[in-house]
Amino acid sequence: EEVLEAKGERRIAVGSPNFYVCGFDAAGDKLWTTNLGAAVRTTASLDNRAVAGCEDGSLYVLSAVGKVLGRAEAGSRITALTAVGDTIVAGCASGSVTAWNL
């Protein structure tokens, strides 16, 4: 799960193995649900965006309201994500590490 902010409010993005990323407010109320078409293995936040790494090697960038803003391929199952400045770094099951400047 990752914390992001939208309109000054703290929100949490949580991924699931059943293909969904869900956004929740600080009270735990679900705000949005987005189906990514692959099991979500890990999430990270970057500014007011959520990032989801999937079983099939896809990386998705979502807005603070769950809209898919972009997609990239890591080439292998994404097992870890972290944000470094404006860069997302993904660790993959193959042992590779890939970075995207967002």
N, C-alpha and C. Protein backbone atom coordinates (compact mmCIF):
# COMPACT_ATOMS: atom_id res chain seq x y z
N GLU A 1 0.84 -1.17 0.00
CA GLU A 1 0.00 0.00 0.00
C GLU A 1 0.88 1.23 0.00
N GLU A 2 0.40 2.28 -0.59
CA GLU A 2 1.16 3.51 -0.68
C GLU A 2 0.27 4.70 -0.41
N VAL A 3 0.83 5.72 0.20
CA VAL A 3 0.09 6.94 0.53
C VAL A 3 0.33 7.98 -0.56
N LEU A 4 -0.73 8.57 -1.06
CA LEU A 4 -0.62 9.67 -2.00
C LEU A 4 -1.57 10.76 -1.56
N GLU A 5 -1.44 11.92 -2.14
CA GLU A 5 -2.30 13.04 -1.77
C GLU A 5 -3.03 13.57 -2.99
N ALA A 6 -4.28 13.91 -2.79
CA ALA A 6 -5.09 14.54 -3.83
C ALA A 6 -5.94 15.61 -3.17
N LYS A 7 -5.88 16.81 -3.71
CA LYS A 7 -6.65 17.93 -3.17
C LYS A 7 -6.36 18.12 -1.69
N GLY A 8 -5.10 17.90 -1.30
CA GLY A 8 -4.70 18.11 0.09
C GLY A 8 -5.10 17.01 1.04
N GLU A 9 -5.71 15.94 0.53
CA GLU A 9 -6.14 14.83 1.39
C GLU A 9 -5.21 13.64 1.20
N ARG A 10 -4.88 12.98 2.31
CA ARG A 10 -4.06 11.77 2.23
C ARG A 10 -4.94 10.60 1.80
N ARG A 11 -4.42 9.82 0.86
CA ARG A 11 -5.13 8.65 0.35
C ARG A 11 -4.17 7.48 0.29
N ILE A 12 -4.72 6.28 0.26
CA ILE A 12 -3.90 5.08 0.19
C ILE A 12 -4.29 4.30 -1.06
N ALA A 13 -3.30 3.83 -1.81
CA ALA A 13 -3.53 2.97 -2.97
C ALA A 13 -3.05 1.57 -2.60
N VAL A 14 -3.92 0.58 -2.80
CA VAL A 14 -3.62 -0.80 -2.44
C VAL A 14 -3.85 -1.68 -3.66
N GLY A 15 -2.89 -2.54 -3.96
CA GLY A 15 -3.03 -3.47 -5.07
C GLY A 15 -3.47 -4.84 -4.58
N SER A 16 -3.99 -5.65 -5.52
CA SER A 16 -4.45 -6.99 -5.15
C SER A 16 -4.11 -7.99 -6.25
N PRO A 17 -4.04 -9.28 -5.89
CA PRO A 17 -3.74 -10.30 -6.90
C PRO A 17 -4.90 -10.55 -7.87
N ASN A 18 -6.07 -9.98 -7.59
CA ASN A 18 -7.21 -10.16 -8.50
C ASN A 18 -7.33 -9.00 -9.50
N PHE A 19 -6.19 -8.37 -9.82
CA PHE A 19 -6.04 -7.37 -10.90
C PHE A 19 -6.42 -5.94 -10.53
N TYR A 20 -6.84 -5.67 -9.31
CA TYR A 20 -7.33 -4.34 -8.96
C TYR A 20 -6.35 -3.53 -8.13
N VAL A 21 -6.39 -2.22 -8.36
CA VAL A 21 -5.79 -1.23 -7.46
C VAL A 21 -6.97 -0.42 -6.94
N CYS A 22 -7.02 -0.21 -5.64
CA CYS A 22 -8.10 0.55 -5.02
C CYS A 22 -7.53 1.73 -4.27
N GLY A 23 -8.23 2.84 -4.31
CA GLY A 23 -7.86 4.03 -3.55
C GLY A 23 -8.80 4.21 -2.39
N PHE A 24 -8.24 4.53 -1.23
CA PHE A 24 -9.01 4.74 -0.01
C PHE A 24 -8.64 6.08 0.59
N ASP A 25 -9.62 6.71 1.27
CA ASP A 25 -9.30 7.94 2.00
C ASP A 25 -8.79 7.58 3.39
N ALA A 26 -8.42 8.60 4.16
CA ALA A 26 -7.83 8.38 5.49
C ALA A 26 -8.79 7.67 6.45
N ALA A 27 -10.09 7.74 6.20
CA ALA A 27 -11.07 7.06 7.05
C ALA A 27 -11.28 5.60 6.64
N GLY A 28 -10.66 5.19 5.52
CA GLY A 28 -10.81 3.81 5.06
C GLY A 28 -11.93 3.61 4.07
N ASP A 29 -12.55 4.69 3.62
CA ASP A 29 -13.63 4.58 2.63
C ASP A 29 -13.04 4.43 1.23
N LYS A 30 -13.55 3.45 0.46
CA LYS A 30 -13.06 3.23 -0.90
C LYS A 30 -13.51 4.37 -1.80
N LEU A 31 -12.55 4.96 -2.53
CA LEU A 31 -12.82 6.07 -3.42
C LEU A 31 -12.88 5.65 -4.87
N TRP A 32 -12.08 4.66 -5.24
CA TRP A 32 -12.04 4.21 -6.62
C TRP A 32 -11.44 2.82 -6.71
N THR A 33 -11.74 2.14 -7.81
CA THR A 33 -11.20 0.82 -8.11
C THR A 33 -10.85 0.79 -9.60
N THR A 34 -9.65 0.32 -9.92
CA THR A 34 -9.23 0.22 -11.31
C THR A 34 -8.71 -1.19 -11.58
N ASN A 35 -9.23 -1.83 -12.63
CA ASN A 35 -8.79 -3.16 -13.04
C ASN A 35 -7.63 -2.98 -14.02
N LEU A 36 -6.46 -3.56 -13.67
CA LEU A 36 -5.29 -3.44 -14.53
C LEU A 36 -5.07 -4.65 -15.42
N GLY A 37 -5.87 -5.70 -15.27
CA GLY A 37 -5.76 -6.85 -16.15
C GLY A 37 -4.65 -7.82 -15.81
N ALA A 38 -3.95 -7.59 -14.71
CA ALA A 38 -2.88 -8.48 -14.24
C ALA A 38 -2.79 -8.35 -12.73
N ALA A 39 -2.31 -9.39 -12.07
CA ALA A 39 -2.15 -9.36 -10.62
C ALA A 39 -1.19 -8.24 -10.22
N VAL A 40 -1.62 -7.42 -9.28
CA VAL A 40 -0.80 -6.31 -8.79
C VAL A 40 0.07 -6.84 -7.66
N ARG A 41 1.39 -6.75 -7.83
CA ARG A 41 2.34 -7.29 -6.86
C ARG A 41 2.85 -6.24 -5.86
N THR A 42 2.92 -4.98 -6.29
CA THR A 42 3.49 -3.93 -5.44
C THR A 42 3.00 -2.57 -5.91
N THR A 43 2.98 -1.60 -4.98
CA THR A 43 2.60 -0.23 -5.33
C THR A 43 3.61 0.75 -4.74
N ALA A 44 3.62 1.93 -5.31
CA ALA A 44 4.45 3.03 -4.80
C ALA A 44 3.70 4.32 -5.10
N SER A 45 4.10 5.40 -4.47
CA SER A 45 3.49 6.70 -4.77
C SER A 45 4.56 7.67 -5.22
N LEU A 46 4.16 8.57 -6.08
CA LEU A 46 5.05 9.58 -6.62
C LEU A 46 4.22 10.84 -6.80
N ASP A 47 4.50 11.85 -5.99
CA ASP A 47 3.70 13.07 -5.97
C ASP A 47 2.24 12.68 -5.71
N ASN A 48 1.34 13.05 -6.59
CA ASN A 48 -0.07 12.72 -6.40
C ASN A 48 -0.50 11.56 -7.32
N ARG A 49 0.47 10.71 -7.67
CA ARG A 49 0.18 9.56 -8.53
C ARG A 49 0.49 8.26 -7.80
N ALA A 50 -0.24 7.22 -8.17
CA ALA A 50 0.04 5.87 -7.68
C ALA A 50 0.72 5.10 -8.81
N VAL A 51 1.62 4.21 -8.45
CA VAL A 51 2.31 3.37 -9.42
C VAL A 51 2.10 1.93 -8.99
N ALA A 52 1.74 1.07 -9.94
CA ALA A 52 1.48 -0.34 -9.64
C ALA A 52 2.36 -1.22 -10.51
N GLY A 53 3.03 -2.18 -9.87
CA GLY A 53 3.84 -3.16 -10.58
C GLY A 53 3.10 -4.49 -10.60
N CYS A 54 3.04 -5.12 -11.77
CA CYS A 54 2.20 -6.31 -11.94
C CYS A 54 2.98 -7.59 -12.21
N GLU A 55 2.29 -8.68 -12.00
CA GLU A 55 2.83 -10.03 -12.20
C GLU A 55 3.36 -10.22 -13.62
N ASP A 56 2.71 -9.62 -14.61
CA ASP A 56 3.10 -9.80 -16.00
C ASP A 56 4.22 -8.85 -16.45
N GLY A 57 4.79 -8.08 -15.52
CA GLY A 57 5.88 -7.15 -15.85
C GLY A 57 5.42 -5.77 -16.25
N SER A 58 4.12 -5.51 -16.21
CA SER A 58 3.60 -4.19 -16.55
C SER A 58 3.72 -3.24 -15.36
N LEU A 59 4.01 -2.00 -15.66
CA LEU A 59 4.05 -0.94 -14.67
C LEU A 59 3.00 0.09 -15.10
N TYR A 60 2.09 0.42 -14.19
CA TYR A 60 1.03 1.40 -14.48
C TYR A 60 1.19 2.61 -13.60
N VAL A 61 0.96 3.78 -14.17
CA VAL A 61 0.91 5.04 -13.43
C VAL A 61 -0.55 5.47 -13.42
N LEU A 62 -1.07 5.73 -12.21
CA LEU A 62 -2.47 6.12 -12.06
C LEU A 62 -2.57 7.48 -11.38
N SER A 63 -3.61 8.21 -11.74
CA SER A 63 -3.86 9.49 -11.08
C SER A 63 -4.38 9.24 -9.67
N ALA A 64 -4.52 10.28 -8.89
CA ALA A 64 -5.03 10.16 -7.51
C ALA A 64 -6.50 9.77 -7.47
N VAL A 65 -7.16 9.72 -8.64
CA VAL A 65 -8.55 9.27 -8.71
C VAL A 65 -8.67 7.96 -9.48
N GLY A 66 -7.54 7.27 -9.73
CA GLY A 66 -7.55 5.94 -10.31
C GLY A 66 -7.52 5.85 -11.82
N LYS A 67 -7.37 6.96 -12.52
CA LYS A 67 -7.30 6.93 -13.98
C LYS A 67 -5.89 6.51 -14.42
N VAL A 68 -5.82 5.56 -15.35
CA VAL A 68 -4.51 5.12 -15.86
C VAL A 68 -3.92 6.24 -16.71
N LEU A 69 -2.73 6.70 -16.32
CA LEU A 69 -2.06 7.79 -17.03
C LEU A 69 -0.99 7.27 -17.98
N GLY A 70 -0.48 6.07 -17.71
CA GLY A 70 0.57 5.52 -18.56
C GLY A 70 0.88 4.08 -18.18
N ARG A 71 1.59 3.39 -19.09
CA ARG A 71 1.96 2.00 -18.90
C ARG A 71 3.34 1.77 -19.50
N ALA A 72 4.13 0.94 -18.84
CA ALA A 72 5.46 0.57 -19.34
C ALA A 72 5.68 -0.90 -19.06
N GLU A 73 6.69 -1.48 -19.69
CA GLU A 73 7.03 -2.90 -19.51
C GLU A 73 8.40 -3.03 -18.86
N ALA A 74 8.47 -3.89 -17.84
CA ALA A 74 9.74 -4.16 -17.18
C ALA A 74 10.38 -5.43 -17.71
N GLY A 75 9.62 -6.27 -18.40
CA GLY A 75 10.17 -7.48 -18.98
C GLY A 75 10.09 -8.71 -18.10
N SER A 76 9.75 -8.53 -16.83
CA SER A 76 9.65 -9.63 -15.88
C SER A 76 8.75 -9.18 -14.74
N ARG A 77 8.25 -10.15 -13.96
CA ARG A 77 7.36 -9.83 -12.82
C ARG A 77 8.02 -8.78 -11.93
N ILE A 78 7.27 -7.73 -11.64
CA ILE A 78 7.78 -6.66 -10.77
C ILE A 78 7.52 -7.06 -9.32
N THR A 79 8.59 -7.11 -8.54
CA THR A 79 8.48 -7.55 -7.15
C THR A 79 8.67 -6.43 -6.14
N ALA A 80 9.22 -5.30 -6.57
CA ALA A 80 9.43 -4.17 -5.66
C ALA A 80 9.44 -2.87 -6.45
N LEU A 81 8.91 -1.82 -5.85
CA LEU A 81 8.91 -0.48 -6.43
C LEU A 81 9.33 0.52 -5.37
N THR A 82 10.04 1.54 -5.80
CA THR A 82 10.33 2.66 -4.92
C THR A 82 10.44 3.92 -5.76
N ALA A 83 10.11 5.04 -5.15
CA ALA A 83 10.21 6.34 -5.82
C ALA A 83 11.46 7.05 -5.33
N VAL A 84 12.23 7.59 -6.27
CA VAL A 84 13.43 8.37 -5.97
C VAL A 84 13.31 9.66 -6.76
N GLY A 85 12.90 10.73 -6.10
CA GLY A 85 12.64 11.97 -6.81
C GLY A 85 11.51 11.77 -7.80
N ASP A 86 11.76 12.07 -9.08
CA ASP A 86 10.76 11.88 -10.13
C ASP A 86 10.95 10.55 -10.86
N THR A 87 11.68 9.63 -10.25
CA THR A 87 12.00 8.35 -10.88
C THR A 87 11.37 7.20 -10.10
N ILE A 88 10.81 6.25 -10.84
CA ILE A 88 10.33 5.00 -10.24
C ILE A 88 11.34 3.92 -10.56
N VAL A 89 11.76 3.17 -9.55
CA VAL A 89 12.71 2.08 -9.72
C VAL A 89 11.99 0.78 -9.40
N ALA A 90 12.08 -0.18 -10.33
CA ALA A 90 11.41 -1.48 -10.17
C ALA A 90 12.44 -2.58 -10.07
N GLY A 91 12.28 -3.44 -9.08
CA GLY A 91 13.05 -4.67 -8.98
C GLY A 91 12.19 -5.78 -9.55
N CYS A 92 12.80 -6.66 -10.34
CA CYS A 92 12.04 -7.71 -11.03
C CYS A 92 12.49 -9.10 -10.60
N ALA A 93 11.60 -10.06 -10.81
CA ALA A 93 11.88 -11.46 -10.45
C ALA A 93 13.08 -12.01 -11.20
N SER A 94 13.39 -11.47 -12.35
CA SER A 94 14.53 -11.92 -13.14
C SER A 94 15.86 -11.46 -12.55
N GLY A 95 15.80 -10.58 -11.55
CA GLY A 95 17.01 -10.02 -10.96
C GLY A 95 17.38 -8.66 -11.53
N SER A 96 16.66 -8.21 -12.55
CA SER A 96 16.96 -6.92 -13.17
C SER A 96 16.34 -5.78 -12.35
N VAL A 97 16.89 -4.60 -12.53
CA VAL A 97 16.36 -3.38 -11.94
C VAL A 97 16.18 -2.39 -13.09
N THR A 98 14.99 -1.80 -13.17
CA THR A 98 14.66 -0.87 -14.24
C THR A 98 14.15 0.42 -13.61
N ALA A 99 14.50 1.56 -14.23
CA ALA A 99 14.05 2.86 -13.73
C ALA A 99 13.37 3.64 -14.85
N TRP A 100 12.33 4.37 -14.47
CA TRP A 100 11.61 5.24 -15.40
C TRP A 100 11.55 6.62 -14.79
N ASN A 101 11.90 7.64 -15.58
CA ASN A 101 11.77 9.02 -15.13
C ASN A 101 10.36 9.49 -15.49
N LEU A 102 9.58 9.78 -14.48
CA LEU A 102 8.21 10.24 -14.72
C LEU A 102 8.19 11.72 -14.59
